């Protein structure tokens, strides 16, 4: 397992700095857009999509319709709006191409799939799926949309792979609102864990190499999701709440209660990766559970304890190959935070949250193109680091935005 290297490789500061100039980055962008071209029926739509990706990669502060149009030299945002609303193309097909692109450039047998949601603050009640609900981004209940996303982290790099808009029950049950927001008839209410199951199955069925799945307690506490992964024999380290009852010695016991029974000799100080202030050290312990095992796999409870305050603990449901080292489980648990870096990068650099669309397909189209742009930047960094001796030059330690400005990515 990649251990400490993973957090250094996948941190925002690494993505945003130390980029090495690719001698032929223009050709790489052209190759990517040609890869997607067949998904756009009309030549004008293909051109608009290429322009939209250029705009997302540009240093424009707000990637909304008017500012992108101004940057691209258009008098009005009509062409930008047309691409997201009326042009004929399938965002899910582009998403499939994105996943193939990621497999090709970032795929690794030790890859980790990370599931999480993020909120998009909105005004009014017309945007599809908007309501007053908890937003992890804001840390409180706000009027917002919530999207469930799938991230992918490997020793090569990291990116976002897939997206699904969470449609609250009141939206799913309201024909008038559904029609106004162009929600397809086939879309039914689904919980966030159910959406996560769909995203995970899609990536794994597409052949994405992934040794592990991780996510927070929204997903770890969902028994059907855990069982689905176990049926697939897909190893996972999923955060769970302290009151989750886990099977131990023939009965159910709260995770927190079981953690209190761990003897002092079973705690080990390990780092789950590097943070802004260095190694993120905690005490860790693992307890075997008597959940039904599959041949070669076992279930367990992983517990994280603060070094400064032992009462501060976190808990993880583990389904892993037998004899998996504790250090590997700790690394996977730490990898969960890479998706926060992905959200920060996608929102700050390619405008993930800058959209002004209200419809179902408009949301998914914008998100898909943002994911393509973010993946391009991740692959560009990797290829740059692989070819400095062939004409590239080390880029100064400054922001990705400055890199894009100075190298003219806006003119791709």
Protein backbone atom coordinates (compact mmCIF):
# COMPACT_ATOMS: atom_id res chain seq x y z
CA UNK A 1 0.00 0.00 0.00
CA UNK A 2 1.14 3.52 -0.68
CA UNK A 3 0.94 4.74 2.93
CA UNK A 4 2.42 8.22 3.49
CA UNK A 5 3.15 8.71 -0.18
CA UNK A 6 -0.55 8.78 -0.94
CA UNK A 7 -1.32 11.96 0.98
CA UNK A 8 1.69 13.76 -0.46
CA UNK A 9 0.81 12.73 -3.99
CA UNK A 10 -2.86 13.52 -3.62
CA UNK A 11 -2.80 16.73 -1.59
CA UNK A 12 -4.18 19.98 -3.00
CA UNK A 13 -0.81 21.66 -2.61
CA UNK A 14 0.83 19.00 -4.77
CA UNK A 15 -1.84 19.32 -7.44
CA UNK A 16 -1.60 23.10 -7.38
CA UNK A 17 2.18 23.33 -7.38
CA UNK A 18 5.29 21.74 -8.86
CA UNK A 19 3.62 21.30 -12.23
CA UNK A 20 6.14 20.59 -14.96
CA UNK A 21 5.43 22.05 -18.37
CA UNK A 22 4.27 19.50 -20.92
CA UNK A 23 5.86 20.32 -24.29
CA UNK A 24 2.71 19.12 -26.09
CA UNK A 25 -0.14 19.90 -23.71
CA UNK A 26 -2.13 21.43 -26.57
CA UNK A 27 -2.04 18.10 -28.37
CA UNK A 28 -3.16 16.31 -25.20
CA UNK A 29 -6.18 18.60 -24.91
CA UNK A 30 -7.02 18.04 -28.57
CA UNK A 31 -6.78 14.29 -28.05
CA UNK A 32 -9.18 14.51 -25.13
CA UNK A 33 -11.76 16.61 -26.98
CA UNK A 34 -11.57 14.31 -30.02
CA UNK A 35 -12.23 11.40 -27.68
CA UNK A 36 -15.48 13.04 -26.64
CA UNK A 37 -16.47 14.36 -30.08
CA UNK A 38 -18.74 11.48 -31.09
CA UNK A 39 -21.01 12.19 -28.12
CA UNK A 40 -22.14 15.48 -29.67
CA UNK A 41 -24.50 15.06 -32.61
CA UNK A 42 -24.02 18.46 -34.24
CA UNK A 43 -20.60 19.96 -35.14
CA UNK A 44 -21.60 23.21 -33.43
CA UNK A 45 -22.27 21.31 -30.20
CA UNK A 46 -18.82 19.74 -30.41
CA UNK A 47 -17.28 23.18 -30.84
CA UNK A 48 -19.33 24.58 -27.97
CA UNK A 49 -18.24 21.73 -25.71
CA UNK A 50 -14.58 22.34 -26.54
CA UNK A 51 -15.03 26.04 -25.84
CA UNK A 52 -16.81 25.31 -22.58
CA UNK A 53 -13.92 23.11 -21.42
CA UNK A 54 -11.48 25.90 -22.34
CA UNK A 55 -13.54 28.30 -20.29
CA UNK A 56 -13.57 25.96 -17.30
CA UNK A 57 -9.76 25.67 -17.53
CA UNK A 58 -9.30 29.43 -17.85
CA UNK A 59 -8.49 31.85 -15.00
CA UNK A 60 -11.98 33.39 -15.18
CA UNK A 61 -13.06 33.85 -11.57
CA UNK A 62 -16.70 32.83 -12.04
CA UNK A 63 -17.48 30.17 -14.63
CA UNK A 64 -21.08 31.28 -15.17
CA UNK A 65 -22.75 31.90 -18.52
CA UNK A 66 -22.02 35.61 -18.88
CA UNK A 67 -18.40 35.50 -17.74
CA UNK A 68 -17.57 32.43 -19.81
CA UNK A 69 -19.22 34.04 -22.84
CA UNK A 70 -17.23 37.23 -22.35
CA UNK A 71 -14.01 35.28 -21.96
CA UNK A 72 -14.74 33.26 -25.12
CA UNK A 73 -15.52 36.40 -27.10
CA UNK A 74 -19.29 35.94 -27.38
CA UNK A 75 -21.65 38.89 -27.17
CA UNK A 76 -24.23 36.92 -25.18
CA UNK A 77 -24.23 33.68 -23.13
CA UNK A 78 -26.57 32.03 -25.66
CA UNK A 79 -24.04 29.46 -26.90
CA UNK A 80 -23.03 28.49 -23.38
CA UNK A 81 -26.66 28.15 -22.31
CA UNK A 82 -27.51 26.23 -25.47
CA UNK A 83 -24.84 23.62 -24.74
CA UNK A 84 -26.18 22.99 -21.24
CA UNK A 85 -29.87 23.12 -22.10
CA UNK A 86 -30.87 22.52 -25.72
CA UNK A 87 -27.96 20.94 -27.60
CA UNK A 88 -28.26 17.23 -28.37
CA UNK A 89 -25.72 15.19 -26.40
CA UNK A 90 -25.66 12.58 -23.69
CA UNK A 91 -23.86 13.59 -20.49
CA UNK A 92 -23.82 9.98 -19.25
CA UNK A 93 -21.98 8.88 -22.40
CA UNK A 94 -19.39 11.61 -21.82
CA UNK A 95 -19.15 10.40 -18.22
CA UNK A 96 -18.39 6.90 -19.52
CA UNK A 97 -15.63 8.34 -21.73
CA UNK A 98 -14.26 10.19 -18.71
CA UNK A 99 -14.06 6.96 -16.72
CA UNK A 100 -12.24 5.22 -19.57
CA UNK A 101 -9.84 8.19 -19.72
CA UNK A 102 -9.20 7.95 -15.97
CA UNK A 103 -8.65 4.18 -16.16
CA UNK A 104 -6.11 4.73 -18.92
CA UNK A 105 -4.12 7.44 -17.16
CA UNK A 106 -4.72 6.98 -13.42
CA UNK A 107 -5.81 3.37 -13.14
CA UNK A 108 -3.90 1.37 -10.54
CA UNK A 109 -4.52 -1.94 -8.76
CA UNK A 110 -4.20 -0.17 -5.40
CA UNK A 111 -6.79 2.46 -6.28
CA UNK A 112 -9.34 3.62 -3.70
CA UNK A 113 -12.89 4.67 -4.57
CA UNK A 114 -14.17 7.43 -2.28
CA UNK A 115 -17.84 8.28 -1.96
CA UNK A 116 -19.12 11.57 -0.53
CA UNK A 117 -21.61 14.37 -1.12
CA UNK A 118 -21.24 18.13 -1.36
CA UNK A 119 -23.73 20.98 -1.26
CA UNK A 120 -24.37 23.85 -3.66
CA UNK A 121 -26.01 26.89 -2.05
CA UNK A 122 -28.94 28.27 -4.04
CA UNK A 123 -31.55 31.01 -3.79
CA UNK A 124 -35.22 30.38 -4.47
CA UNK A 125 -36.98 27.06 -5.05
CA UNK A 126 -36.83 26.55 -8.82
CA UNK A 127 -33.47 24.82 -9.26
CA UNK A 128 -33.94 21.06 -9.45
CA UNK A 129 -33.61 19.33 -6.08
CA UNK A 130 -33.17 22.52 -4.07
CA UNK A 131 -34.54 22.65 -0.53
CA UNK A 132 -33.48 23.54 2.98
CA UNK A 133 -31.26 20.62 3.89
CA UNK A 134 -27.95 19.94 5.55
CA UNK A 135 -24.92 21.04 3.55
CA UNK A 136 -21.56 19.69 4.61
CA UNK A 137 -19.98 22.54 2.65
CA UNK A 138 -21.73 25.13 4.82
CA UNK A 139 -21.75 22.95 7.93
CA UNK A 140 -25.41 23.71 8.61
CA UNK A 141 -28.91 23.52 7.11
CA UNK A 142 -29.14 25.80 4.08
CA UNK A 143 -31.19 26.23 0.93
CA UNK A 144 -29.13 24.10 -1.42
CA UNK A 145 -28.78 21.26 -3.85
CA UNK A 146 -26.79 18.19 -2.84
CA UNK A 147 -24.79 16.03 -5.22
CA UNK A 148 -23.30 12.61 -4.47
CA UNK A 149 -19.87 12.14 -6.07
CA UNK A 150 -17.41 9.34 -6.61
CA UNK A 151 -13.70 10.07 -6.28
CA UNK A 152 -10.74 7.92 -7.27
CA UNK A 153 -7.33 8.03 -5.61
CA UNK A 154 -4.24 6.08 -6.64
CA UNK A 155 -0.45 6.41 -6.26
CA UNK A 156 -0.59 8.20 -9.64
CA UNK A 157 -3.10 10.89 -8.75
CA UNK A 158 -6.72 11.61 -7.93
CA UNK A 159 -9.87 12.93 -9.54
CA UNK A 160 -13.67 12.81 -9.47
CA UNK A 161 -15.27 10.08 -11.56
CA UNK A 162 -19.04 10.37 -11.36
CA UNK A 163 -21.91 12.47 -10.05
CA UNK A 164 -25.58 12.11 -9.13
CA UNK A 165 -27.99 14.82 -8.01
CA UNK A 166 -29.89 13.97 -4.85
CA UNK A 167 -33.61 14.50 -5.51
CA UNK A 168 -35.46 14.99 -2.18
CA UNK A 169 -38.70 13.07 -1.60
CA UNK A 170 -40.89 16.17 -2.00
CA UNK A 171 -39.35 16.80 -5.41
CA UNK A 172 -39.67 13.19 -6.50
CA UNK A 173 -43.37 13.19 -5.52
CA UNK A 174 -44.28 16.51 -7.17
CA UNK A 175 -45.21 16.08 -10.89
CA UNK A 176 -45.39 19.85 -11.48
CA UNK A 177 -41.91 20.56 -10.14
CA UNK A 178 -40.50 17.54 -11.94
CA UNK A 179 -41.91 18.71 -15.26
CA UNK A 180 -40.65 22.26 -14.80
CA UNK A 181 -37.12 21.00 -14.00
CA UNK A 182 -37.22 18.34 -16.75
CA UNK A 183 -36.65 15.45 -14.39
CA UNK A 184 -36.87 12.22 -16.45
CA UNK A 185 -39.85 9.96 -15.75
CA UNK A 186 -37.47 7.11 -14.98
CA UNK A 187 -35.91 8.98 -12.05
CA UNK A 188 -37.34 7.94 -8.69
CA UNK A 189 -36.48 8.96 -5.16
CA UNK A 190 -33.22 7.42 -4.00
CA UNK A 191 -31.33 7.92 -0.77
CA UNK A 192 -27.73 9.09 -0.86
CA UNK A 193 -26.44 5.58 -0.06
CA UNK A 194 -28.59 4.19 -2.88
CA UNK A 195 -27.08 6.75 -5.25
CA UNK A 196 -23.66 5.75 -3.98
CA UNK A 197 -24.39 2.10 -4.77
CA UNK A 198 -25.21 3.07 -8.35
CA UNK A 199 -22.03 5.12 -8.77
CA UNK A 200 -19.83 2.40 -7.28
CA UNK A 201 -21.39 -0.37 -9.36
CA UNK A 202 -21.02 1.69 -12.53
CA UNK A 203 -17.31 2.30 -11.97
CA UNK A 204 -16.52 -1.26 -10.94
CA UNK A 205 -18.55 -2.74 -13.79
CA UNK A 206 -16.60 -0.50 -16.19
CA UNK A 207 -13.41 -2.26 -15.11
CA UNK A 208 -11.96 0.47 -12.91
CA UNK A 209 -9.19 -1.14 -10.85
CA UNK A 210 -9.95 -0.50 -7.19
CA UNK A 211 -8.63 -2.38 -4.18
CA UNK A 212 -10.76 -0.43 -1.71
CA UNK A 213 -13.88 1.64 -1.16
CA UNK A 214 -14.18 4.24 1.59
CA UNK A 215 -16.67 6.87 2.67
CA UNK A 216 -18.13 8.65 5.68
CA UNK A 217 -20.83 7.44 8.06
CA UNK A 218 -23.70 8.48 5.76
CA UNK A 219 -22.62 5.50 3.66
CA UNK A 220 -20.97 3.28 6.25
CA UNK A 221 -24.11 3.18 8.39
CA UNK A 222 -26.15 1.92 5.44
CA UNK A 223 -26.36 -1.86 5.76
CA UNK A 224 -27.54 -2.53 2.16
CA UNK A 225 -24.53 -0.66 0.80
CA UNK A 226 -22.13 -2.60 3.02
CA UNK A 227 -23.76 -5.89 2.04
CA UNK A 228 -23.63 -4.99 -1.65
CA UNK A 229 -19.88 -4.45 -1.41
CA UNK A 230 -19.42 -7.68 0.49
CA UNK A 231 -21.39 -9.58 -2.15
CA UNK A 232 -19.00 -8.19 -4.76
CA UNK A 233 -16.04 -9.13 -2.54
CA UNK A 234 -15.02 -5.50 -2.68
CA UNK A 235 -12.81 -4.52 0.26
CA UNK A 236 -13.94 -1.44 2.14
CA UNK A 237 -13.23 0.79 5.14
CA UNK A 238 -16.37 2.81 5.84
CA UNK A 239 -16.86 5.27 8.68
CA UNK A 240 -19.78 4.48 10.97
CA UNK A 241 -21.49 6.27 13.85
CA UNK A 242 -20.66 5.51 17.46
CA UNK A 243 -24.09 3.98 18.11
CA UNK A 244 -24.01 1.48 15.24
CA UNK A 245 -24.55 -2.00 16.66
CA UNK A 246 -21.92 -4.41 15.40
CA UNK A 247 -21.96 -8.23 15.75
CA UNK A 248 -19.56 -9.33 18.47
CA UNK A 249 -19.46 -12.59 20.45
CA UNK A 250 -22.92 -13.64 19.43
CA UNK A 251 -24.75 -10.39 20.07
CA UNK A 252 -24.96 -6.80 18.93
CA UNK A 253 -22.91 -4.13 20.66
CA UNK A 254 -22.49 -0.41 20.04
CA UNK A 255 -19.26 0.50 18.26
CA UNK A 256 -18.36 2.97 21.00
CA UNK A 257 -18.93 0.39 23.74
CA UNK A 258 -16.80 -2.19 21.98
CA UNK A 259 -14.00 0.35 21.52
CA UNK A 260 -13.88 0.88 25.28
CA UNK A 261 -13.08 -2.81 25.73
CA UNK A 262 -9.92 -2.69 23.62
CA UNK A 263 -6.90 -3.40 25.88
CA UNK A 264 -4.07 -0.89 25.99
CA UNK A 265 -1.70 -3.30 24.26
CA UNK A 266 -3.88 -3.35 21.12
CA UNK A 267 -3.58 0.37 20.37
CA UNK A 268 -0.94 1.46 17.86
CA UNK A 269 0.16 4.97 16.93
CA UNK A 270 0.04 5.30 13.15
CA UNK A 271 -0.24 8.07 10.58
CA UNK A 272 -3.17 8.05 8.16
CA UNK A 273 -1.30 10.45 5.85
CA UNK A 274 0.24 13.88 5.81
CA UNK A 275 -1.82 16.97 6.57
CA UNK A 276 -1.01 20.67 6.52
CA UNK A 277 0.97 20.29 9.75
CA UNK A 278 2.71 17.02 8.94
CA UNK A 279 1.83 13.42 9.71
CA UNK A 280 -1.71 12.90 10.99
CA UNK A 281 -1.00 10.65 13.94
CA UNK A 282 -3.66 8.80 15.93
CA UNK A 283 -3.93 5.69 18.02
CA UNK A 284 -5.61 2.88 16.10
CA UNK A 285 -7.05 -0.49 17.07
CA UNK A 286 -8.86 -3.27 15.22
CA UNK A 287 -11.42 -5.68 16.64
CA UNK A 288 -12.54 -8.81 14.79
CA UNK A 289 -16.32 -9.10 14.38
CA UNK A 290 -18.31 -12.30 14.07
CA UNK A 291 -20.30 -11.14 11.06
CA UNK A 292 -20.66 -13.85 8.40
CA UNK A 293 -17.32 -14.00 6.62
CA UNK A 294 -16.68 -14.79 3.00
CA UNK A 295 -13.86 -17.10 2.05
CA UNK A 296 -10.64 -15.14 2.43
CA UNK A 297 -12.37 -12.02 3.81
CA UNK A 298 -13.27 -10.92 7.32
CA UNK A 299 -15.25 -8.12 8.98
CA UNK A 300 -13.90 -5.91 11.73
CA UNK A 301 -14.25 -2.64 13.59
CA UNK A 302 -11.43 -0.13 13.15
CA UNK A 303 -11.19 2.53 15.86
CA UNK A 304 -9.29 5.83 15.68
CA UNK A 305 -8.41 7.66 18.90
CA UNK A 306 -6.99 11.15 19.36
CA UNK A 307 -3.56 11.26 20.97
CA UNK A 308 -4.41 14.40 22.95
CA UNK A 309 -7.97 13.43 23.92
CA UNK A 310 -8.60 9.66 24.08
CA UNK A 311 -12.36 10.27 24.36
CA UNK A 312 -12.33 11.67 20.84
CA UNK A 313 -12.82 8.61 18.66
CA UNK A 314 -13.98 7.59 15.18
CA UNK A 315 -15.18 4.19 14.01
CA UNK A 316 -14.99 2.25 10.73
CA UNK A 317 -16.65 -0.91 9.46
CA UNK A 318 -13.99 -3.00 7.74
CA UNK A 319 -14.49 -5.72 5.15
CA UNK A 320 -11.06 -6.81 4.00
CA UNK A 321 -8.93 -9.76 2.97
CA UNK A 322 -7.75 -11.77 5.95
CA UNK A 323 -4.33 -10.82 7.28
CA UNK A 324 -4.62 -7.27 5.92
CA UNK A 325 -2.12 -5.19 7.96
CA UNK A 326 -3.54 -2.56 10.31
CA UNK A 327 -1.36 0.03 8.58
CA UNK A 328 -3.15 -0.63 5.28
CA UNK A 329 -6.57 -0.10 6.84
CA UNK A 330 -5.35 3.14 8.40
CA UNK A 331 -4.10 4.38 5.04
CA UNK A 332 -7.42 3.61 3.37
CA UNK A 333 -9.31 5.41 6.15
CA UNK A 334 -7.08 8.46 5.62
CA UNK A 335 -7.63 8.37 1.87
CA UNK A 336 -11.27 9.30 2.45
CA UNK A 337 -10.19 12.91 2.83
CA UNK A 338 -8.84 13.09 -0.71
CA UNK A 339 -12.34 13.72 -2.02
CA UNK A 340 -12.44 16.95 -0.01
CA UNK A 341 -9.36 18.01 -1.95
CA UNK A 342 -11.13 17.05 -5.16
CA UNK A 343 -14.15 19.18 -4.25
CA UNK A 344 -11.93 22.13 -3.34
CA UNK A 345 -10.00 21.85 -6.59
CA UNK A 346 -13.08 21.38 -8.77
CA UNK A 347 -14.91 24.29 -7.17
CA UNK A 348 -11.93 26.60 -7.03
CA UNK A 349 -10.32 25.82 -10.37
CA UNK A 350 -12.94 24.55 -12.85
CA UNK A 351 -16.16 26.10 -11.55
CA UNK A 352 -17.97 23.04 -10.20
CA UNK A 353 -20.27 25.32 -8.17
CA UNK A 354 -20.44 28.26 -10.59
CA UNK A 355 -23.38 27.03 -12.67
CA UNK A 356 -26.68 28.86 -13.22
CA UNK A 357 -28.75 26.01 -14.63
CA UNK A 358 -32.05 24.87 -13.11
CA UNK A 359 -32.86 21.69 -15.02
CA UNK A 360 -31.96 18.09 -14.28
CA UNK A 361 -29.96 17.58 -17.46
CA UNK A 362 -28.36 21.04 -17.21
CA UNK A 363 -26.97 20.16 -13.77
CA UNK A 364 -25.57 16.82 -14.93
CA UNK A 365 -24.10 18.33 -18.10
CA UNK A 366 -22.24 21.06 -16.23
CA UNK A 367 -21.00 18.63 -13.58
CA UNK A 368 -19.81 16.16 -16.20
CA UNK A 369 -17.79 18.74 -18.12
CA UNK A 370 -16.29 20.03 -14.86
CA UNK A 371 -15.22 16.49 -13.99
CA UNK A 372 -13.62 16.16 -17.43
CA UNK A 373 -11.72 19.44 -16.92
CA UNK A 374 -10.55 18.42 -13.45
CA UNK A 375 -9.38 15.01 -14.69
CA UNK A 376 -7.49 16.70 -17.53
CA UNK A 377 -5.57 18.81 -15.00
CA UNK A 378 -4.70 15.73 -12.94
CA UNK A 379 -3.46 13.83 -15.97
CA UNK A 380 -1.59 16.90 -17.24
CA UNK A 381 0.31 17.10 -13.96
CA UNK A 382 1.22 13.41 -14.11
CA UNK A 383 2.42 13.54 -17.70
CA UNK A 384 4.35 16.72 -16.99
CA UNK A 385 6.24 15.08 -14.16
CA UNK A 386 7.02 12.08 -16.33
CA UNK A 387 8.64 14.07 -19.16
CA UNK A 388 10.80 16.94 -17.80
CA UNK A 389 13.90 15.58 -19.49
CA UNK A 390 12.17 15.80 -22.88
CA UNK A 391 11.86 19.55 -22.96
CA UNK A 392 9.67 20.39 -19.97
CA UNK A 393 10.75 22.84 -17.29
CA UNK A 394 9.99 22.78 -13.57
CA UNK A 395 7.14 25.15 -12.84
CA UNK A 396 7.50 27.48 -9.83
CA UNK A 397 5.83 26.71 -6.52
CA UNK A 398 2.68 28.75 -6.92
CA UNK A 399 -0.98 28.25 -7.62
CA UNK A 400 -2.55 26.23 -10.39
CA UNK A 401 -4.42 29.36 -11.41
CA UNK A 402 -1.11 31.15 -11.99
CA UNK A 403 0.10 28.17 -13.98
CA UNK A 404 -2.92 28.41 -16.25
CA UNK A 405 -2.49 32.15 -16.68
CA UNK A 406 1.19 32.04 -17.46
CA UNK A 407 0.99 29.04 -19.81
CA UNK A 408 -2.09 30.25 -21.68
CA UNK A 409 -4.37 27.34 -20.91
CA UNK A 410 -7.22 29.70 -21.64
CA UNK A 411 -6.17 29.57 -25.29
CA UNK A 412 -6.25 25.79 -25.64
